[in-house]
Amino acid sequence: MSRGSRVALAVSVVLSALTVTAVHVQQRRERERLHRGVLRDLERLSQKEENIRLLEEQITLTKQLKEERDKMLMEKGSQQS
């Protein structure tokens, strides 16, 4: 095997190894990015459920407050009569 052939073979082997390594690194990063996306989606879903719970709690408290206010107004009105 001539010297030029050996150099060409060595360069080909090195470039192939670098290409394979780069593809594996890229795939790992892509997998991690996708996983972070899933975690973000789960966090958003959890936050949405918490917001809905808080909204329902606020609606309930508002109804109670209105009922108490109406009751107080009725009592005040009956006291004035």
C-alpha atoms as a PDB file:
ATOM      1  CA  MET A   1       0.000   0.000   0.000  1.00  0.00           C
ATOM      2  CA  SER A   2       1.430   3.334  -0.975  1.00  0.00           C
ATOM      3  CA  ARG A   3       1.858   6.230   1.385  1.00  0.00           C
ATOM      4  CA  GLY A   4      -0.869   8.265  -0.341  1.00  0.00           C
ATOM      5  CA  SER A   5      -3.328   5.397  -0.031  1.00  0.00           C
ATOM      6  CA  ARG A   6      -2.617   5.078   3.695  1.00  0.00           C
ATOM      7  CA  VAL A   7      -3.157   8.813   4.211  1.00  0.00           C
ATOM      8  CA  ALA A   8      -6.391   8.705   2.230  1.00  0.00           C
ATOM      9  CA  LEU A   9      -7.577   5.689   4.245  1.00  0.00           C
ATOM     10  CA  ALA A  10      -6.646   7.359   7.557  1.00  0.00           C
ATOM     11  CA  VAL A  11      -8.431  10.564   6.589  1.00  0.00           C
ATOM     12  CA  SER A  12     -11.499   8.582   5.537  1.00  0.00           C
ATOM     13  CA  VAL A  13     -11.540   6.631   8.817  1.00  0.00           C
ATOM     14  CA  VAL A  14     -11.148   9.807  10.899  1.00  0.00           C
ATOM     15  CA  LEU A  15     -13.858  11.663   8.972  1.00  0.00           C
ATOM     16  CA  SER A  16     -16.206   8.685   9.234  1.00  0.00           C
ATOM     17  CA  ALA A  17     -15.607   8.414  12.985  1.00  0.00           C
ATOM     18  CA  LEU A  18     -16.191  12.149  13.420  1.00  0.00           C
ATOM     19  CA  THR A  19     -19.377  11.967  11.378  1.00  0.00           C
ATOM     20  CA  VAL A  20     -20.745   9.059  13.406  1.00  0.00           C
ATOM     21  CA  THR A  21     -19.837  10.816  16.671  1.00  0.00           C
ATOM     22  CA  ALA A  22     -21.444  14.064  15.533  1.00  0.00           C
ATOM     23  CA  VAL A  23     -24.657  12.259  14.576  1.00  0.00           C
ATOM     24  CA  HIS A  24     -24.827  10.536  17.977  1.00  0.00           C
ATOM     25  CA  VAL A  25     -24.249  13.825  19.806  1.00  0.00           C
ATOM     26  CA  GLN A  26     -26.910  15.525  17.704  1.00  0.00           C
ATOM     27  CA  GLN A  27     -29.404  12.717  18.387  1.00  0.00           C
ATOM     28  CA  ARG A  28     -28.730  12.906  22.125  1.00  0.00           C
ATOM     29  CA  ARG A  29     -29.273  16.688  22.140  1.00  0.00           C
ATOM     30  CA  GLU A  30     -32.473  16.300  20.150  1.00  0.00           C
ATOM     31  CA  ARG A  31     -33.744  13.645  22.586  1.00  0.00           C
ATOM     32  CA  GLU A  32     -32.936  15.920  25.549  1.00  0.00           C
ATOM     33  CA  ARG A  33     -34.675  18.868  23.856  1.00  0.00           C
ATOM     34  CA  LEU A  34     -37.777  16.778  23.223  1.00  0.00           C
ATOM     35  CA  HIS A  35     -37.753  15.574  26.829  1.00  0.00           C
ATOM     36  CA  ARG A  36     -37.531  19.170  28.087  1.00  0.00           C
ATOM     37  CA  GLY A  37     -40.519  19.969  25.860  1.00  0.00           C
ATOM     38  CA  VAL A  38     -42.532  17.199  27.500  1.00  0.00           C
ATOM     39  CA  LEU A  39     -41.570  18.495  30.948  1.00  0.00           C
ATOM     40  CA  ARG A  40     -42.610  22.030  29.949  1.00  0.00           C
ATOM     41  CA  ASP A  41     -45.948  20.706  28.650  1.00  0.00           C
ATOM     42  CA  LEU A  42     -46.556  18.840  31.912  1.00  0.00           C
ATOM     43  CA  GLU A  43     -45.712  21.987  33.880  1.00  0.00           C
ATOM     44  CA  ARG A  44     -48.086  24.063  31.730  1.00  0.00           C
ATOM     45  CA  LEU A  45     -50.840  21.487  32.217  1.00  0.00           C
ATOM     46  CA  SER A  46     -50.266  21.498  35.964  1.00  0.00           C
ATOM     47  CA  GLN A  47     -50.347  25.308  36.032  1.00  0.00           C
ATOM     48  CA  LYS A  48     -53.536  25.333  33.956  1.00  0.00           C
ATOM     49  CA  GLU A  49     -55.224  22.915  36.365  1.00  0.00           C
ATOM     50  CA  GLU A  50     -54.103  25.070  39.308  1.00  0.00           C
ATOM     51  CA  ASN A  51     -55.476  28.190  37.592  1.00  0.00           C
ATOM     52  CA  ILE A  52     -58.813  26.460  36.984  1.00  0.00           C
ATOM     53  CA  ARG A  53     -58.947  25.372  40.625  1.00  0.00           C
ATOM     54  CA  LEU A  54     -58.211  28.916  41.793  1.00  0.00           C
ATOM     55  CA  LEU A  55     -60.835  30.324  39.425  1.00  0.00           C
ATOM     56  CA  GLU A  56     -63.459  27.903  40.737  1.00  0.00           C
ATOM     57  CA  GLU A  57     -62.486  28.835  44.291  1.00  0.00           C
ATOM     58  CA  GLN A  58     -62.828  32.535  43.444  1.00  0.00           C
ATOM     59  CA  ILE A  59     -66.250  31.931  41.877  1.00  0.00           C
ATOM     60  CA  THR A  60     -67.410  30.107  45.006  1.00  0.00           C
ATOM     61  CA  LEU A  61     -66.078  32.839  47.283  1.00  0.00           C
ATOM     62  CA  THR A  62     -67.706  35.532  45.138  1.00  0.00           C
ATOM     63  CA  LYS A  63     -71.073  33.749  45.360  1.00  0.00           C
ATOM     64  CA  GLN A  64     -70.735  33.469  49.135  1.00  0.00           C
ATOM     65  CA  LEU A  65     -69.821  37.142  49.418  1.00  0.00           C
ATOM     66  CA  LYS A  66     -72.790  38.191  47.293  1.00  0.00           C
ATOM     67  CA  GLU A  67     -75.124  36.019  49.374  1.00  0.00           C
ATOM     68  CA  GLU A  68     -73.789  37.525  52.589  1.00  0.00           C
ATOM     69  CA  ARG A  69     -74.081  41.049  51.178  1.00  0.00           C
ATOM     70  CA  ASP A  70     -77.651  40.415  50.014  1.00  0.00           C
ATOM     71  CA  LYS A  71     -78.510  38.944  53.425  1.00  0.00           C
ATOM     72  CA  MET A  72     -77.059  41.987  55.190  1.00  0.00           C
ATOM     73  CA  LEU A  73     -78.930  44.346  52.876  1.00  0.00           C
ATOM     74  CA  MET A  74     -82.188  42.500  53.531  1.00  0.00           C
ATOM     75  CA  GLU A  75     -81.611  42.634  57.291  1.00  0.00           C
ATOM     76  CA  LYS A  76     -80.756  46.317  57.086  1.00  0.00           C
ATOM     77  CA  GLY A  77     -83.861  46.983  54.991  1.00  0.00           C
ATOM     78  CA  SER A  78     -86.120  45.085  57.415  1.00  0.00           C
ATOM     79  CA  GLN A  79     -84.634  47.006  60.379  1.00  0.00           C
ATOM     80  CA  GLN A  80     -85.417  50.360  58.732  1.00  0.00           C
ATOM     81  CA  SER A  81     -89.049  49.385  58.096  1.00  0.00           C
END
